[in-house]
N, C-alpha and C. Protein backbone atom coordinates (compact mmCIF):
# COMPACT_ATOMS: atom_id res chain seq x y z
N MET A 1 103.69 90.29 122.51
CA MET A 1 103.46 92.01 122.59
C MET A 1 102.18 92.20 122.34
N SER A 2 101.82 93.39 123.15
CA SER A 2 100.52 93.83 123.02
C SER A 2 100.63 95.75 123.49
N ALA A 3 99.37 95.83 123.39
CA ALA A 3 99.33 97.32 123.53
C ALA A 3 98.80 97.82 124.90
N THR A 4 99.09 96.44 125.95
CA THR A 4 98.62 97.04 127.28
C THR A 4 99.73 96.58 128.34
N GLY A 5 100.66 95.65 127.90
CA GLY A 5 101.86 95.38 128.74
C GLY A 5 102.43 96.47 129.58
N SER A 6 103.11 96.10 130.68
CA SER A 6 103.81 97.16 131.42
C SER A 6 104.98 97.83 130.85
N TYR A 7 106.21 96.93 129.83
CA TYR A 7 107.25 97.27 129.55
C TYR A 7 107.51 97.32 128.13
N PRO A 8 108.03 98.68 127.71
CA PRO A 8 107.90 98.84 126.50
C PRO A 8 108.86 97.90 125.69
N VAL A 9 108.65 97.61 124.39
CA VAL A 9 109.11 96.87 123.38
C VAL A 9 109.71 97.86 122.14
N TYR A 10 111.02 97.84 121.79
CA TYR A 10 111.49 98.81 120.83
C TYR A 10 112.08 97.95 119.48
N GLY A 11 111.67 98.71 118.82
CA GLY A 11 112.40 98.01 117.24
C GLY A 11 112.76 99.20 116.50
N ALA A 12 113.14 99.20 115.15
CA ALA A 12 113.81 100.37 114.39
C ALA A 12 113.02 101.51 114.16
N THR A 13 111.74 101.30 114.73
CA THR A 13 110.88 102.65 114.02
C THR A 13 110.75 103.04 115.45
N GLY A 14 111.28 102.59 116.69
CA GLY A 14 110.94 103.07 117.90
C GLY A 14 109.98 102.33 118.89
N LEU A 15 109.44 102.94 119.66
CA LEU A 15 108.51 102.13 120.49
C LEU A 15 107.39 101.38 119.86
N ILE A 16 107.42 99.98 119.72
CA ILE A 16 106.35 99.52 119.06
C ILE A 16 105.21 98.67 119.66
N GLY A 17 105.44 98.58 120.96
CA GLY A 17 104.55 97.77 121.80
C GLY A 17 104.81 97.85 123.28
N TYR A 18 103.83 96.75 124.09
CA TYR A 18 104.23 96.49 125.35
C TYR A 18 104.21 95.00 125.42
N THR A 19 105.09 94.91 126.54
CA THR A 19 104.89 93.33 127.14
C THR A 19 104.77 93.33 128.49
N ASP A 20 104.41 92.00 129.09
CA ASP A 20 104.48 91.91 130.44
C ASP A 20 105.90 91.31 131.31
N SER A 21 106.65 91.21 130.43
CA SER A 21 108.00 91.12 130.98
C SER A 21 109.12 91.77 130.38
N TYR A 22 110.30 92.01 130.80
CA TYR A 22 111.30 92.61 130.27
C TYR A 22 112.67 91.61 129.84
N ALA A 23 113.57 92.14 129.19
CA ALA A 23 114.50 91.33 128.96
C ALA A 23 115.92 92.16 129.46
N HIS A 24 115.62 93.52 129.62
CA HIS A 24 116.82 94.46 129.98
C HIS A 24 116.29 95.38 130.97
N ASN A 25 117.27 96.02 131.78
CA ASN A 25 116.96 96.93 132.76
C ASN A 25 118.25 97.78 132.90
N GLY A 26 117.85 99.19 132.75
CA GLY A 26 118.65 100.57 133.03
C GLY A 26 119.03 101.05 131.99
N GLU A 27 120.30 101.74 131.78
CA GLU A 27 120.69 102.66 130.66
C GLU A 27 121.02 101.91 129.33
N SER A 28 120.60 102.28 128.33
CA SER A 28 121.16 101.43 127.08
C SER A 28 121.20 102.41 125.98
N ILE A 29 121.97 102.19 124.85
CA ILE A 29 121.77 102.97 123.70
C ILE A 29 121.48 101.83 122.76
N LEU A 30 120.43 102.14 121.93
CA LEU A 30 119.61 101.36 121.15
C LEU A 30 120.07 101.77 119.69
N ILE A 31 120.69 100.73 118.94
CA ILE A 31 121.16 100.80 117.47
C ILE A 31 120.60 100.17 116.20
N VAL A 32 119.96 100.85 115.58
CA VAL A 32 119.21 100.11 114.60
C VAL A 32 120.60 99.55 113.82
N LYS A 33 120.34 97.82 113.52
CA LYS A 33 121.27 97.12 113.05
C LYS A 33 120.73 96.82 111.18
N ASP A 34 119.64 96.86 111.20
CA ASP A 34 119.07 96.34 110.01
C ASP A 34 118.25 97.33 109.38
N GLY A 35 118.10 97.51 107.85
CA GLY A 35 116.97 98.33 107.10
C GLY A 35 117.65 99.62 106.60
N SER A 36 116.56 100.35 106.21
CA SER A 36 116.86 101.72 105.95
C SER A 36 117.33 102.64 106.82
N GLY A 37 116.97 102.20 108.51
CA GLY A 37 117.28 103.39 109.37
C GLY A 37 118.70 102.87 110.00
N VAL A 38 119.27 102.15 109.41
CA VAL A 38 120.75 101.71 110.09
C VAL A 38 121.51 102.57 110.67
N GLY A 39 122.07 102.39 111.70
CA GLY A 39 122.78 103.17 112.43
C GLY A 39 122.08 104.38 113.25
N SER A 40 120.72 104.36 113.21
CA SER A 40 119.98 105.47 113.95
C SER A 40 120.14 105.18 115.55
N LEU A 41 120.04 106.00 116.10
CA LEU A 41 120.21 105.89 117.86
C LEU A 41 118.84 106.14 118.62
N SER A 42 118.85 105.43 119.64
CA SER A 42 117.89 106.09 120.91
C SER A 42 118.41 105.57 122.04
N TYR A 43 118.12 106.46 123.13
CA TYR A 43 118.50 106.10 124.30
C TYR A 43 117.32 105.87 125.25
N VAL A 44 117.41 104.82 126.43
CA VAL A 44 116.44 104.24 127.08
C VAL A 44 117.05 104.08 128.60
N ASN A 45 116.42 104.17 129.43
CA ASN A 45 116.76 104.07 130.91
C ASN A 45 115.40 103.60 131.66
N ASP A 46 115.42 102.38 131.53
CA ASP A 46 114.09 101.65 132.41
C ASP A 46 113.99 100.16 131.92
N HIS A 47 113.12 99.60 132.18
CA HIS A 47 112.82 98.08 131.77
C HIS A 47 112.53 98.00 130.17
N PHE A 48 113.11 97.23 129.63
CA PHE A 48 112.49 97.33 128.29
C PHE A 48 113.19 95.83 127.64
N SER A 49 112.53 95.76 126.39
CA SER A 49 112.74 94.78 125.30
C SER A 49 113.11 95.38 124.20
N VAL A 50 113.95 94.35 123.26
CA VAL A 50 114.13 94.79 121.93
C VAL A 50 113.61 93.77 120.81
N ILE A 51 113.57 94.06 119.55
CA ILE A 51 113.42 93.03 118.59
C ILE A 51 114.56 92.90 117.82
N GLY A 52 114.67 91.89 116.94
CA GLY A 52 115.99 91.32 116.11
C GLY A 52 116.79 92.72 115.23
N THR A 53 116.02 93.87 115.09
CA THR A 53 116.62 94.90 114.21
C THR A 53 117.43 95.79 114.91
N LEU A 54 117.58 95.72 116.31
CA LEU A 54 118.27 96.63 117.10
C LEU A 54 119.34 95.87 117.84
N ASN A 55 120.41 96.24 118.23
CA ASN A 55 121.57 96.14 119.29
C ASN A 55 121.25 96.75 120.32
N TYR A 56 121.59 96.46 121.43
CA TYR A 56 121.51 97.56 122.74
C TYR A 56 122.89 97.33 123.26
N LEU A 57 123.61 98.50 123.63
CA LEU A 57 124.63 98.92 124.09
C LEU A 57 124.73 99.35 125.86
N THR A 58 125.40 98.74 126.51
CA THR A 58 125.68 99.16 127.96
C THR A 58 126.90 99.21 128.04
N PRO A 59 127.13 100.42 128.48
CA PRO A 59 128.67 100.63 128.71
C PRO A 59 129.00 100.07 130.23
N LYS A 60 130.42 99.96 130.39
CA LYS A 60 131.05 99.28 131.50
C LYS A 60 131.16 100.51 132.53
N GLU A 61 131.32 100.32 133.53
CA GLU A 61 131.62 101.05 134.64
C GLU A 61 132.64 102.08 134.41
N LYS A 62 132.57 103.29 134.72
CA LYS A 62 133.31 104.42 134.47
C LYS A 62 133.01 105.15 133.04
N TYR A 63 132.02 104.79 132.59
CA TYR A 63 131.50 105.41 131.26
C TYR A 63 130.18 105.89 131.37
N SER A 64 129.67 106.93 130.88
CA SER A 64 128.15 107.60 131.02
C SER A 64 127.52 107.13 129.79
N SER A 65 126.59 106.56 129.92
CA SER A 65 125.36 106.12 128.93
C SER A 65 125.16 107.01 128.15
N LEU A 66 124.66 108.52 128.57
CA LEU A 66 124.35 109.48 127.89
C LEU A 66 125.51 110.07 127.24
N TYR A 67 126.57 110.25 127.84
CA TYR A 67 127.70 110.72 126.96
C TYR A 67 128.02 109.93 125.68
N LEU A 68 127.88 108.82 126.00
CA LEU A 68 128.16 107.60 124.73
C LEU A 68 126.81 107.74 123.52
N TYR A 69 125.94 107.99 124.10
CA TYR A 69 124.94 108.17 123.05
C TYR A 69 124.88 109.36 122.28
N TYR A 70 125.47 110.89 122.90
CA TYR A 70 125.57 111.68 122.42
C TYR A 70 126.88 111.62 121.33
N ALA A 71 128.07 110.97 121.97
CA ALA A 71 128.91 110.87 121.08
C ALA A 71 129.06 109.70 119.87
N LEU A 72 127.90 108.89 120.06
CA LEU A 72 127.69 108.00 118.87
C LEU A 72 126.53 108.85 117.97
N MET A 73 125.85 109.71 118.46
CA MET A 73 125.32 110.53 117.47
C MET A 73 126.14 111.50 116.37
N ALA A 74 127.26 111.52 116.64
CA ALA A 74 128.09 112.20 115.84
C ALA A 74 129.21 111.03 114.99
N PHE A 75 128.81 109.90 115.44
CA PHE A 75 129.41 108.90 114.89
C PHE A 75 129.17 108.57 113.36
N ASN A 76 130.26 108.37 112.64
CA ASN A 76 129.74 107.87 111.13
C ASN A 76 129.64 106.21 111.13
N PHE A 77 128.56 105.63 111.10
CA PHE A 77 128.30 104.34 110.69
C PHE A 77 128.69 103.90 109.51
N THR A 78 128.65 104.57 108.31
CA THR A 78 128.65 104.09 106.91
C THR A 78 129.72 103.32 106.63
N PRO A 79 131.05 103.54 107.18
CA PRO A 79 132.16 102.55 106.55
C PRO A 79 131.91 101.25 107.33
N TYR A 80 130.72 100.70 108.12
CA TYR A 80 130.61 99.84 108.70
C TYR A 80 129.47 98.99 108.07
N ILE A 81 128.39 99.84 107.19
CA ILE A 81 127.86 98.95 106.61
C ILE A 81 127.94 98.01 105.43
N THR A 82 127.30 97.08 105.44
CA THR A 82 127.20 95.80 104.63
C THR A 82 125.95 95.48 104.11
N GLY A 83 125.94 94.66 103.10
CA GLY A 83 124.86 94.40 102.33
C GLY A 83 124.10 95.27 101.50
N MET A 84 123.80 94.67 100.30
CA MET A 84 123.22 95.64 99.13
C MET A 84 121.82 95.84 99.30
N ALA A 85 120.92 95.09 99.33
CA ALA A 85 119.63 95.19 99.43
C ALA A 85 119.13 95.90 100.63
N ILE A 86 119.65 94.94 101.81
CA ILE A 86 119.08 95.46 103.22
C ILE A 86 120.50 95.77 103.83
N PRO A 87 120.47 96.83 104.04
CA PRO A 87 121.90 97.35 104.82
C PRO A 87 121.88 96.79 106.26
N HIS A 88 122.98 96.29 106.76
CA HIS A 88 123.34 95.79 108.02
C HIS A 88 124.72 96.56 108.59
N ILE A 89 124.88 96.95 109.96
CA ILE A 89 125.98 97.00 110.70
C ILE A 89 126.00 95.91 111.72
N TYR A 90 127.28 95.62 111.98
CA TYR A 90 127.39 94.42 113.20
C TYR A 90 128.60 95.06 114.06
N PHE A 91 128.15 94.86 115.26
CA PHE A 91 128.94 95.33 116.79
C PHE A 91 130.25 94.68 116.41
N LYS A 92 130.41 93.31 116.12
CA LYS A 92 131.98 92.95 116.09
C LYS A 92 132.73 93.91 114.86
N ASP A 93 132.07 94.70 114.01
CA ASP A 93 132.82 95.76 112.92
C ASP A 93 133.06 97.04 113.87
N TYR A 94 131.76 97.63 114.36
CA TYR A 94 131.79 99.27 114.61
C TYR A 94 132.44 99.29 115.89
N GLY A 95 132.24 98.06 117.04
CA GLY A 95 132.93 97.89 118.22
C GLY A 95 134.29 98.19 118.21
N LYS A 96 134.72 98.28 117.38
CA LYS A 96 136.60 98.21 117.42
C LYS A 96 136.93 99.85 117.20
N ALA A 97 135.67 100.64 116.79
CA ALA A 97 135.99 102.07 116.76
C ALA A 97 136.26 102.71 118.29
N LYS A 98 137.21 103.70 118.01
CA LYS A 98 137.64 104.36 119.23
C LYS A 98 136.72 105.82 119.25
N LEU A 99 136.08 105.81 120.37
CA LEU A 99 135.76 107.47 120.90
C LEU A 99 136.33 107.99 121.89
N PHE A 100 136.09 109.31 121.95
CA PHE A 100 137.13 110.11 122.68
C PHE A 100 136.28 110.03 123.97
N CYS A 101 136.59 109.76 125.15
CA CYS A 101 135.98 109.63 126.29
C CYS A 101 136.72 110.38 127.77
N PRO A 102 136.42 111.54 128.14
CA PRO A 102 137.35 112.02 128.94
C PRO A 102 136.77 111.33 130.51
N SER A 103 137.48 112.14 131.60
CA SER A 103 136.95 111.50 132.97
C SER A 103 135.70 111.26 133.07
N ILE A 104 135.09 110.34 133.91
CA ILE A 104 133.53 110.34 134.08
C ILE A 104 132.79 111.33 134.67
N GLU A 105 133.58 112.65 135.23
CA GLU A 105 132.94 113.51 135.61
C GLU A 105 132.84 114.55 134.57
N LYS A 106 133.63 114.63 133.81
CA LYS A 106 133.70 115.36 132.33
C LYS A 106 132.23 114.81 131.52
N GLN A 107 132.45 113.51 131.37
CA GLN A 107 131.44 113.02 130.57
C GLN A 107 130.09 113.29 131.02
N ILE A 108 129.96 113.06 132.27
CA ILE A 108 128.45 113.32 133.04
C ILE A 108 128.08 115.03 132.70
N ARG A 109 129.36 115.86 132.72
CA ARG A 109 128.97 117.31 132.75
C ARG A 109 128.47 117.57 131.31
N ILE A 110 129.44 117.06 130.27
CA ILE A 110 129.07 117.31 128.87
C ILE A 110 127.53 116.25 128.67
N ALA A 111 127.36 115.78 129.22
CA ALA A 111 126.13 114.78 128.67
C ALA A 111 125.03 115.70 129.14
N SER A 112 125.04 116.42 130.42
CA SER A 112 124.06 116.69 131.24
C SER A 112 123.88 118.05 130.26
N LEU A 113 125.08 118.73 129.91
CA LEU A 113 124.55 120.07 129.19
C LEU A 113 124.12 119.79 127.98
N LEU A 114 124.35 118.69 126.99
CA LEU A 114 123.81 118.31 125.75
C LEU A 114 122.25 117.88 126.11
N HIS A 115 121.84 116.96 127.06
CA HIS A 115 120.57 116.83 127.31
C HIS A 115 119.71 118.09 127.68
N ASN A 116 120.60 119.24 128.19
CA ASN A 116 119.41 120.21 128.52
C ASN A 116 119.15 121.07 127.23
N ILE A 117 120.10 121.25 126.08
CA ILE A 117 120.11 121.91 125.05
C ILE A 117 118.94 120.97 124.15
N GLU A 118 119.02 119.51 124.32
CA GLU A 118 118.04 118.96 123.60
C GLU A 118 116.72 119.01 123.93
N GLN A 119 116.53 119.16 125.36
CA GLN A 119 115.25 119.47 126.07
C GLN A 119 114.81 120.79 125.71
N LYS A 120 115.70 121.67 125.73
CA LYS A 120 115.41 123.16 125.11
C LYS A 120 114.80 123.16 123.68
N LEU A 121 115.44 122.56 122.83
CA LEU A 121 115.13 122.50 121.45
C LEU A 121 113.71 121.83 121.51
N VAL A 122 113.36 120.75 122.20
CA VAL A 122 111.74 120.19 122.07
C VAL A 122 110.86 120.95 122.81
N VAL A 123 111.09 122.03 123.58
CA VAL A 123 110.31 123.01 124.14
C VAL A 123 110.06 124.12 123.16
N GLU A 124 111.05 124.35 122.28
CA GLU A 124 110.93 125.20 121.33
C GLU A 124 110.32 124.93 120.31
N GLN A 125 110.62 123.56 119.67
CA GLN A 125 109.93 123.06 118.54
C GLN A 125 108.27 122.85 118.93
N ASN A 126 107.79 122.60 120.21
CA ASN A 126 106.49 122.37 120.72
C ASN A 126 106.11 123.86 120.55
N LEU A 127 106.76 124.89 120.94
CA LEU A 127 106.25 126.26 120.78
C LEU A 127 105.79 126.66 119.45
N ILE A 128 106.91 126.44 118.26
CA ILE A 128 106.42 126.78 116.94
C ILE A 128 105.56 125.96 116.72
N THR A 129 105.37 124.71 116.79
CA THR A 129 104.11 124.09 116.44
C THR A 129 102.75 124.60 117.16
N SER A 130 102.75 125.11 118.21
CA SER A 130 101.56 125.78 118.81
C SER A 130 101.38 127.16 118.04
N LEU A 131 102.40 127.90 117.85
CA LEU A 131 102.13 129.20 117.19
C LEU A 131 101.54 129.09 115.99
N ASN A 132 102.36 128.04 115.06
CA ASN A 132 101.53 127.74 113.68
C ASN A 132 100.43 127.47 113.52
N ALA A 133 99.81 126.41 114.52
CA ALA A 133 98.27 126.29 114.92
C ALA A 133 97.53 127.40 115.06
N GLN A 134 98.06 128.63 115.92
CA GLN A 134 97.42 129.70 116.55
C GLN A 134 97.41 130.51 115.05
N LYS A 135 98.34 130.74 114.48
CA LYS A 135 98.50 131.41 113.09
C LYS A 135 97.47 131.13 112.02
N SER A 136 97.36 129.81 112.09
CA SER A 136 96.21 128.98 111.11
C SER A 136 95.06 129.33 111.41
N TYR A 137 94.73 129.31 112.87
CA TYR A 137 93.30 129.53 113.08
C TYR A 137 92.75 131.18 113.07
N LEU A 138 94.06 131.80 113.47
CA LEU A 138 93.53 133.63 113.20
C LEU A 138 93.59 133.92 111.55
N LEU A 139 94.19 133.03 110.75
CA LEU A 139 94.10 133.29 109.32
C LEU A 139 92.78 132.93 109.02
N ARG A 140 92.29 131.92 109.29
CA ARG A 140 90.81 131.46 109.33
C ARG A 140 89.89 131.92 109.63
N MET A 141 90.02 132.83 110.72
CA MET A 141 88.92 133.54 111.33
C MET A 141 88.99 135.07 110.70
N LEU A 142 90.07 135.34 109.99
CA LEU A 142 90.47 136.53 109.20
C LEU A 142 89.35 136.69 108.00
N PHE A 143 89.24 135.21 107.52
CA PHE A 143 88.46 135.27 106.06
C PHE A 143 86.99 134.79 106.31
N ILE A 144 86.45 134.67 107.35
CA ILE A 144 85.19 134.19 107.73
C ILE A 144 84.17 135.33 107.09
């Protein structure tokens, strides 16, 4: 793993580096399975690799990865956590849980709507950051 490879490598904290080869390709849901961030999710759609602290889920046909990602964002992993010092979750346990999945068409519509809302939130958060920076600048200029 290096900083100059072509393919991202993900770990519990997100993107941790790059490599010259990849282990997986396509849409997947990454789930932190060990440590303090256990149950945290990420969505990827490209060539990628993961390290041992992550599980990756690739849904079967007739299921939208993005819909399942948003459904799992509301999923409570707490009952599936084991381990005292270092918490763990295992797919063999939470993989038996049931999620509501409407028709693939509705899954795609719901996921698209939620994705658009998420993108709007990112834009608004960036705007707030920019406005706070502008406010700080103007306040500094006021007291010069």
